[in-house]
Amino acid sequence: MSDVAIQIRCQRCGTQMDMRDPGPGMPWTPDQFWVCNNCGRHFWTTYPPPAPKAKPAPEPGPAAS
């Protein structure tokens, strides 16, 4: 399975499904193809791209007196 935060279980057999898109090095597309390796069920989903990770807040500078 691709390294994404979205995980889906098959509604037919309950097995974790594999996302077959995007491929390695390919950009995230809004339509994703999911396949169950256990029973063969497959379907398309339309999820938005993952949100970028938040940058840590800058440390405050010295207090002015």
PDB file of N, CA and C in Angstrom:
ATOM      1  N   MET A   1       0.843  -1.184   0.000  1.00  0.00           N
ATOM      2  CA  MET A   1       0.000   0.000   0.000  1.00  0.00           C
ATOM      3  C   MET A   1       0.879   1.235   0.000  1.00  0.00           C
ATOM      4  N   SER A   2       0.430   2.248  -0.667  1.00  0.00           N
ATOM      5  CA  SER A   2       1.183   3.493  -0.703  1.00  0.00           C
ATOM      6  C   SER A   2       1.235   4.101   0.693  1.00  0.00           C
ATOM      7  N   ASP A   3       2.226   4.925   0.912  1.00  0.00           N
ATOM      8  CA  ASP A   3       2.395   5.552   2.220  1.00  0.00           C
ATOM      9  C   ASP A   3       1.516   6.785   2.343  1.00  0.00           C
ATOM     10  N   VAL A   4       0.248   6.568   2.634  1.00  0.00           N
ATOM     11  CA  VAL A   4      -0.698   7.663   2.831  1.00  0.00           C
ATOM     12  C   VAL A   4      -1.462   7.425   4.119  1.00  0.00           C
ATOM     13  N   ALA A   5      -2.082   8.471   4.620  1.00  0.00           N
ATOM     14  CA  ALA A   5      -2.798   8.371   5.887  1.00  0.00           C
ATOM     15  C   ALA A   5      -4.160   7.703   5.735  1.00  0.00           C
ATOM     16  N   ILE A   6      -4.681   7.606   4.535  1.00  0.00           N
ATOM     17  CA  ILE A   6      -6.007   7.020   4.331  1.00  0.00           C
ATOM     18  C   ILE A   6      -5.892   5.504   4.240  1.00  0.00           C
ATOM     19  N   GLN A   7      -6.693   4.810   5.028  1.00  0.00           N
ATOM     20  CA  GLN A   7      -6.738   3.355   4.974  1.00  0.00           C
ATOM     21  C   GLN A   7      -8.192   2.934   4.876  1.00  0.00           C
ATOM     22  N   ILE A   8      -8.472   1.942   4.044  1.00  0.00           N
ATOM     23  CA  ILE A   8      -9.841   1.476   3.833  1.00  0.00           C
ATOM     24  C   ILE A   8      -9.889  -0.036   3.985  1.00  0.00           C
ATOM     25  N   ARG A   9     -10.912  -0.513   4.684  1.00  0.00           N
ATOM     26  CA  ARG A   9     -11.136  -1.954   4.791  1.00  0.00           C
ATOM     27  C   ARG A   9     -12.231  -2.348   3.816  1.00  0.00           C
ATOM     28  N   CYS A  10     -12.103  -3.544   3.269  1.00  0.00           N
ATOM     29  CA  CYS A  10     -13.074  -4.067   2.310  1.00  0.00           C
ATOM     30  C   CYS A  10     -14.415  -4.264   3.001  1.00  0.00           C
ATOM     31  N   GLN A  11     -15.496  -3.799   2.370  1.00  0.00           N
ATOM     32  CA  GLN A  11     -16.828  -3.962   2.951  1.00  0.00           C
ATOM     33  C   GLN A  11     -17.352  -5.383   2.770  1.00  0.00           C
ATOM     34  N   ARG A  12     -16.720  -6.155   1.905  1.00  0.00           N
ATOM     35  CA  ARG A  12     -17.143  -7.537   1.678  1.00  0.00           C
ATOM     36  C   ARG A  12     -16.501  -8.494   2.687  1.00  0.00           C
ATOM     37  N   CYS A  13     -15.162  -8.394   2.871  1.00  0.00           N
ATOM     38  CA  CYS A  13     -14.485  -9.379   3.722  1.00  0.00           C
ATOM     39  C   CYS A  13     -13.736  -8.757   4.908  1.00  0.00           C
ATOM     40  N   GLY A  14     -13.582  -7.430   4.957  1.00  0.00           N
ATOM     41  CA  GLY A  14     -12.943  -6.772   6.093  1.00  0.00           C
ATOM     42  C   GLY A  14     -11.431  -6.653   6.009  1.00  0.00           C
ATOM     43  N   THR A  15     -10.834  -7.124   4.927  1.00  0.00           N
ATOM     44  CA  THR A  15      -9.386  -7.053   4.767  1.00  0.00           C
ATOM     45  C   THR A  15      -8.959  -5.634   4.398  1.00  0.00           C
ATOM     46  N   GLN A  16      -7.769  -5.228   4.851  1.00  0.00           N
ATOM     47  CA  GLN A  16      -7.226  -3.916   4.486  1.00  0.00           C
ATOM     48  C   GLN A  16      -7.022  -3.875   2.976  1.00  0.00           C
ATOM     49  N   MET A  17      -7.535  -2.808   2.326  1.00  0.00           N
ATOM     50  CA  MET A  17      -7.419  -2.691   0.873  1.00  0.00           C
ATOM     51  C   MET A  17      -6.145  -1.946   0.501  1.00  0.00           C
ATOM     52  N   ASP A  18      -5.664  -2.172  -0.722  1.00  0.00           N
ATOM     53  CA  ASP A  18      -4.468  -1.508  -1.234  1.00  0.00           C
ATOM     54  C   ASP A  18      -4.861  -0.427  -2.215  1.00  0.00           C
ATOM     55  N   MET A  19      -4.234   0.735  -2.077  1.00  0.00           N
ATOM     56  CA  MET A  19      -4.468   1.809  -3.029  1.00  0.00           C
ATOM     57  C   MET A  19      -3.478   1.626  -4.178  1.00  0.00           C
ATOM     58  N   ARG A  20      -3.979   1.556  -5.397  1.00  0.00           N
ATOM     59  CA  ARG A  20      -3.125   1.306  -6.552  1.00  0.00           C
ATOM     60  C   ARG A  20      -2.731   2.586  -7.290  1.00  0.00           C
ATOM     61  N   ASP A  21      -3.087   3.711  -6.738  1.00  0.00           N
ATOM     62  CA  ASP A  21      -2.771   4.984  -7.363  1.00  0.00           C
ATOM     63  C   ASP A  21      -2.597   5.998  -6.242  1.00  0.00           C
ATOM     64  N   PRO A  22      -1.675   6.834  -6.197  1.00  0.00           N
ATOM     65  CA  PRO A  22      -0.692   7.129  -7.228  1.00  0.00           C
ATOM     66  C   PRO A  22       0.473   6.148  -7.206  1.00  0.00           C
ATOM     67  N   GLY A  23       1.104   5.978  -8.338  1.00  0.00           N
ATOM     68  CA  GLY A  23       2.270   5.120  -8.437  1.00  0.00           C
ATOM     69  C   GLY A  23       3.482   5.807  -7.834  1.00  0.00           C
ATOM     70  N   PRO A  24       4.565   5.078  -7.663  1.00  0.00           N
ATOM     71  CA  PRO A  24       5.779   5.674  -7.104  1.00  0.00           C
ATOM     72  C   PRO A  24       6.239   6.879  -7.917  1.00  0.00           C
ATOM     73  N   GLY A  25       6.481   7.986  -7.243  1.00  0.00           N
ATOM     74  CA  GLY A  25       6.948   9.189  -7.893  1.00  0.00           C
ATOM     75  C   GLY A  25       5.887   9.962  -8.661  1.00  0.00           C
ATOM     76  N   MET A  26       4.649   9.493  -8.630  1.00  0.00           N
ATOM     77  CA  MET A  26       3.572  10.167  -9.355  1.00  0.00           C
ATOM     78  C   MET A  26       2.833  11.103  -8.406  1.00  0.00           C
ATOM     79  N   PRO A  27       2.273  12.198  -8.921  1.00  0.00           N
ATOM     80  CA  PRO A  27       1.517  13.107  -8.055  1.00  0.00           C
ATOM     81  C   PRO A  27       0.198  12.489  -7.620  1.00  0.00           C
ATOM     82  N   TRP A  28      -0.308  12.947  -6.502  1.00  0.00           N
ATOM     83  CA  TRP A  28      -1.591  12.482  -5.978  1.00  0.00           C
ATOM     84  C   TRP A  28      -2.696  12.973  -6.898  1.00  0.00           C
ATOM     85  N   THR A  29      -3.570  12.089  -7.296  1.00  0.00           N
ATOM     86  CA  THR A  29      -4.703  12.468  -8.134  1.00  0.00           C
ATOM     87  C   THR A  29      -5.977  12.363  -7.311  1.00  0.00           C
ATOM     88  N   PRO A  30      -7.030  13.097  -7.652  1.00  0.00           N
ATOM     89  CA  PRO A  30      -8.247  13.047  -6.838  1.00  0.00           C
ATOM     90  C   PRO A  30      -8.991  11.717  -6.908  1.00  0.00           C
ATOM     91  N   ASP A  31      -8.756  10.906  -7.938  1.00  0.00           N
ATOM     92  CA  ASP A  31      -9.435   9.607  -8.018  1.00  0.00           C
ATOM     93  C   ASP A  31      -8.440   8.496  -7.715  1.00  0.00           C
ATOM     94  N   GLN A  32      -8.758   7.685  -6.748  1.00  0.00           N
ATOM     95  CA  GLN A  32      -7.871   6.618  -6.296  1.00  0.00           C
ATOM     96  C   GLN A  32      -8.533   5.266  -6.531  1.00  0.00           C
ATOM     97  N   PHE A  33      -7.760   4.288  -6.971  1.00  0.00           N
ATOM     98  CA  PHE A  33      -8.266   2.950  -7.251  1.00  0.00           C
ATOM     99  C   PHE A  33      -7.841   2.020  -6.125  1.00  0.00           C
ATOM    100  N   TRP A  34      -8.809   1.427  -5.436  1.00  0.00           N
ATOM    101  CA  TRP A  34      -8.556   0.546  -4.303  1.00  0.00           C
ATOM    102  C   TRP A  34      -8.882  -0.889  -4.685  1.00  0.00           C
ATOM    103  N   VAL A  35      -8.046  -1.841  -4.231  1.00  0.00           N
ATOM    104  CA  VAL A  35      -8.227  -3.257  -4.541  1.00  0.00           C
ATOM    105  C   VAL A  35      -8.068  -4.071  -3.267  1.00  0.00           C
ATOM    106  N   CYS A  36      -8.967  -5.046  -3.074  1.00  0.00           N
ATOM    107  CA  CYS A  36      -8.839  -5.996  -1.963  1.00  0.00           C
ATOM    108  C   CYS A  36      -8.069  -7.204  -2.483  1.00  0.00           C
ATOM    109  N   ASN A  37      -6.933  -7.480  -1.867  1.00  0.00           N
ATOM    110  CA  ASN A  37      -6.119  -8.624  -2.303  1.00  0.00           C
ATOM    111  C   ASN A  37      -6.711  -9.954  -1.864  1.00  0.00           C
ATOM    112  N   ASN A  38      -7.679  -9.926  -0.939  1.00  0.00           N
ATOM    113  CA  ASN A  38      -8.271 -11.165  -0.451  1.00  0.00           C
ATOM    114  C   ASN A  38      -9.427 -11.637  -1.335  1.00  0.00           C
ATOM    115  N   CYS A  39     -10.396 -10.745  -1.600  1.00  0.00           N
ATOM    116  CA  CYS A  39     -11.583 -11.184  -2.351  1.00  0.00           C
ATOM    117  C   CYS A  39     -11.699 -10.556  -3.738  1.00  0.00           C
ATOM    118  N   GLY A  40     -10.814  -9.604  -4.067  1.00  0.00           N
ATOM    119  CA  GLY A  40     -10.814  -9.032  -5.404  1.00  0.00           C
ATOM    120  C   GLY A  40     -11.728  -7.833  -5.599  1.00  0.00           C
ATOM    121  N   ARG A  41     -12.446  -7.417  -4.552  1.00  0.00           N
ATOM    122  CA  ARG A  41     -13.319  -6.249  -4.696  1.00  0.00           C
ATOM    123  C   ARG A  41     -12.469  -5.038  -5.039  1.00  0.00           C
ATOM    124  N   HIS A  42     -12.998  -4.152  -5.868  1.00  0.00           N
ATOM    125  CA  HIS A  42     -12.276  -2.939  -6.220  1.00  0.00           C
ATOM    126  C   HIS A  42     -13.262  -1.798  -6.439  1.00  0.00           C
ATOM    127  N   PHE A  43     -12.789  -0.588  -6.218  1.00  0.00           N
ATOM    128  CA  PHE A  43     -13.618   0.583  -6.449  1.00  0.00           C
ATOM    129  C   PHE A  43     -12.752   1.830  -6.519  1.00  0.00           C
ATOM    130  N   TRP A  44     -13.329   2.905  -7.053  1.00  0.00           N
ATOM    131  CA  TRP A  44     -12.680   4.203  -7.147  1.00  0.00           C
ATOM    132  C   TRP A  44     -13.190   5.086  -6.025  1.00  0.00           C
ATOM    133  N   THR A  45     -12.322   5.906  -5.467  1.00  0.00           N
ATOM    134  CA  THR A  45     -12.725   6.911  -4.486  1.00  0.00           C
ATOM    135  C   THR A  45     -12.246   8.268  -4.981  1.00  0.00           C
ATOM    136  N   THR A  46     -12.803   9.300  -4.426  1.00  0.00           N
ATOM    137  CA  THR A  46     -12.371  10.648  -4.779  1.00  0.00           C
ATOM    138  C   THR A  46     -12.057  11.414  -3.498  1.00  0.00           C
ATOM    139  N   TYR A  47     -10.830  11.284  -3.050  1.00  0.00           N
ATOM    140  CA  TYR A  47     -10.359  11.987  -1.871  1.00  0.00           C
ATOM    141  C   TYR A  47      -9.480  13.154  -2.297  1.00  0.00           C
ATOM    142  N   PRO A  48      -9.503  14.253  -1.565  1.00  0.00           N
ATOM    143  CA  PRO A  48      -8.582  15.357  -1.872  1.00  0.00           C
ATOM    144  C   PRO A  48      -7.153  14.956  -1.505  1.00  0.00           C
ATOM    145  N   PRO A  49      -6.155  15.658  -2.005  1.00  0.00           N
ATOM    146  CA  PRO A  49      -4.778  15.337  -1.635  1.00  0.00           C
ATOM    147  C   PRO A  49      -4.565  15.515  -0.135  1.00  0.00           C
ATOM    148  N   PRO A  50      -3.629  14.780   0.443  1.00  0.00           N
ATOM    149  CA  PRO A  50      -3.363  14.924   1.874  1.00  0.00           C
ATOM    150  C   PRO A  50      -2.905  16.346   2.187  1.00  0.00           C
ATOM    151  N   ALA A  51      -3.294  16.834   3.342  1.00  0.00           N
ATOM    152  CA  ALA A  51      -2.884  18.174   3.769  1.00  0.00           C
ATOM    153  C   ALA A  51      -1.387  18.162   4.068  1.00  0.00           C
ATOM    154  N   PRO A  52      -0.679  19.239   3.739  1.00  0.00           N
ATOM    155  CA  PRO A  52       0.749  19.289   4.073  1.00  0.00           C
ATOM    156  C   PRO A  52       0.931  19.283   5.586  1.00  0.00           C
ATOM    157  N   LYS A  53       2.027  18.695   6.012  1.00  0.00           N
ATOM    158  CA  LYS A  53       2.300  18.640   7.449  1.00  0.00           C
ATOM    159  C   LYS A  53       2.588  20.048   7.958  1.00  0.00           C
ATOM    160  N   ALA A  54       2.064  20.343   9.135  1.00  0.00           N
ATOM    161  CA  ALA A  54       2.246  21.674   9.729  1.00  0.00           C
ATOM    162  C   ALA A  54       3.705  21.864  10.128  1.00  0.00           C
ATOM    163  N   LYS A  55       4.214  23.058   9.861  1.00  0.00           N
ATOM    164  CA  LYS A  55       5.578  23.382  10.257  1.00  0.00           C
ATOM    165  C   LYS A  55       5.573  23.766  11.731  1.00  0.00           C
ATOM    166  N   PRO A  56       6.634  23.411  12.453  1.00  0.00           N
ATOM    167  CA  PRO A  56       6.677  23.786  13.866  1.00  0.00           C
ATOM    168  C   PRO A  56       6.710  25.305  14.003  1.00  0.00           C
ATOM    169  N   ALA A  57       6.082  25.800  15.050  1.00  0.00           N
ATOM    170  CA  ALA A  57       6.042  27.244  15.299  1.00  0.00           C
ATOM    171  C   ALA A  57       7.455  27.734  15.621  1.00  0.00           C
ATOM    172  N   PRO A  58       7.813  28.916  15.123  1.00  0.00           N
ATOM    173  CA  PRO A  58       9.145  29.443  15.444  1.00  0.00           C
ATOM    174  C   PRO A  58       9.245  29.735  16.930  1.00  0.00           C
ATOM    175  N   GLU A  59      10.447  29.557  17.453  1.00  0.00           N
ATOM    176  CA  GLU A  59      10.648  29.815  18.878  1.00  0.00           C
ATOM    177  C   GLU A  59      10.662  31.331  19.101  1.00  0.00           C
ATOM    178  N   PRO A  60      10.026  31.771  20.183  1.00  0.00           N
ATOM    179  CA  PRO A  60      10.007  33.209  20.436  1.00  0.00           C
ATOM    180  C   PRO A  60      11.412  33.730  20.727  1.00  0.00           C
ATOM    181  N   GLY A  61      11.649  34.941  20.256  1.00  0.00           N
ATOM    182  CA  GLY A  61      12.947  35.572  20.494  1.00  0.00           C
ATOM    183  C   GLY A  61      13.036  36.079  21.913  1.00  0.00           C
ATOM    184  N   PRO A  62      14.152  36.708  22.274  1.00  0.00           N
ATOM    185  CA  PRO A  62      14.286  37.241  23.638  1.00  0.00           C
ATOM    186  C   PRO A  62      13.269  38.354  23.874  1.00  0.00           C
ATOM    187  N   ALA A  63      12.746  38.401  25.079  1.00  0.00           N
ATOM    188  CA  ALA A  63      11.744  39.409  25.428  1.00  0.00           C
ATOM    189  C   ALA A  63      12.375  40.795  25.467  1.00  0.00           C
ATOM    190  N   ALA A  64      11.678  41.748  24.881  1.00  0.00           N
ATOM    191  CA  ALA A  64      12.191  43.135  24.917  1.00  0.00           C
ATOM    192  C   ALA A  64      11.809  43.775  26.248  1.00  0.00           C
ATOM    193  N   SER A  65      12.745  44.541  26.848  1.00  0.00           N
ATOM    194  CA  SER A  65      12.413  45.202  28.106  1.00  0.00           C
ATOM    195  C   SER A  65      12.337  46.682  27.942  1.00  0.00           C
TER     196      SER A  65
END
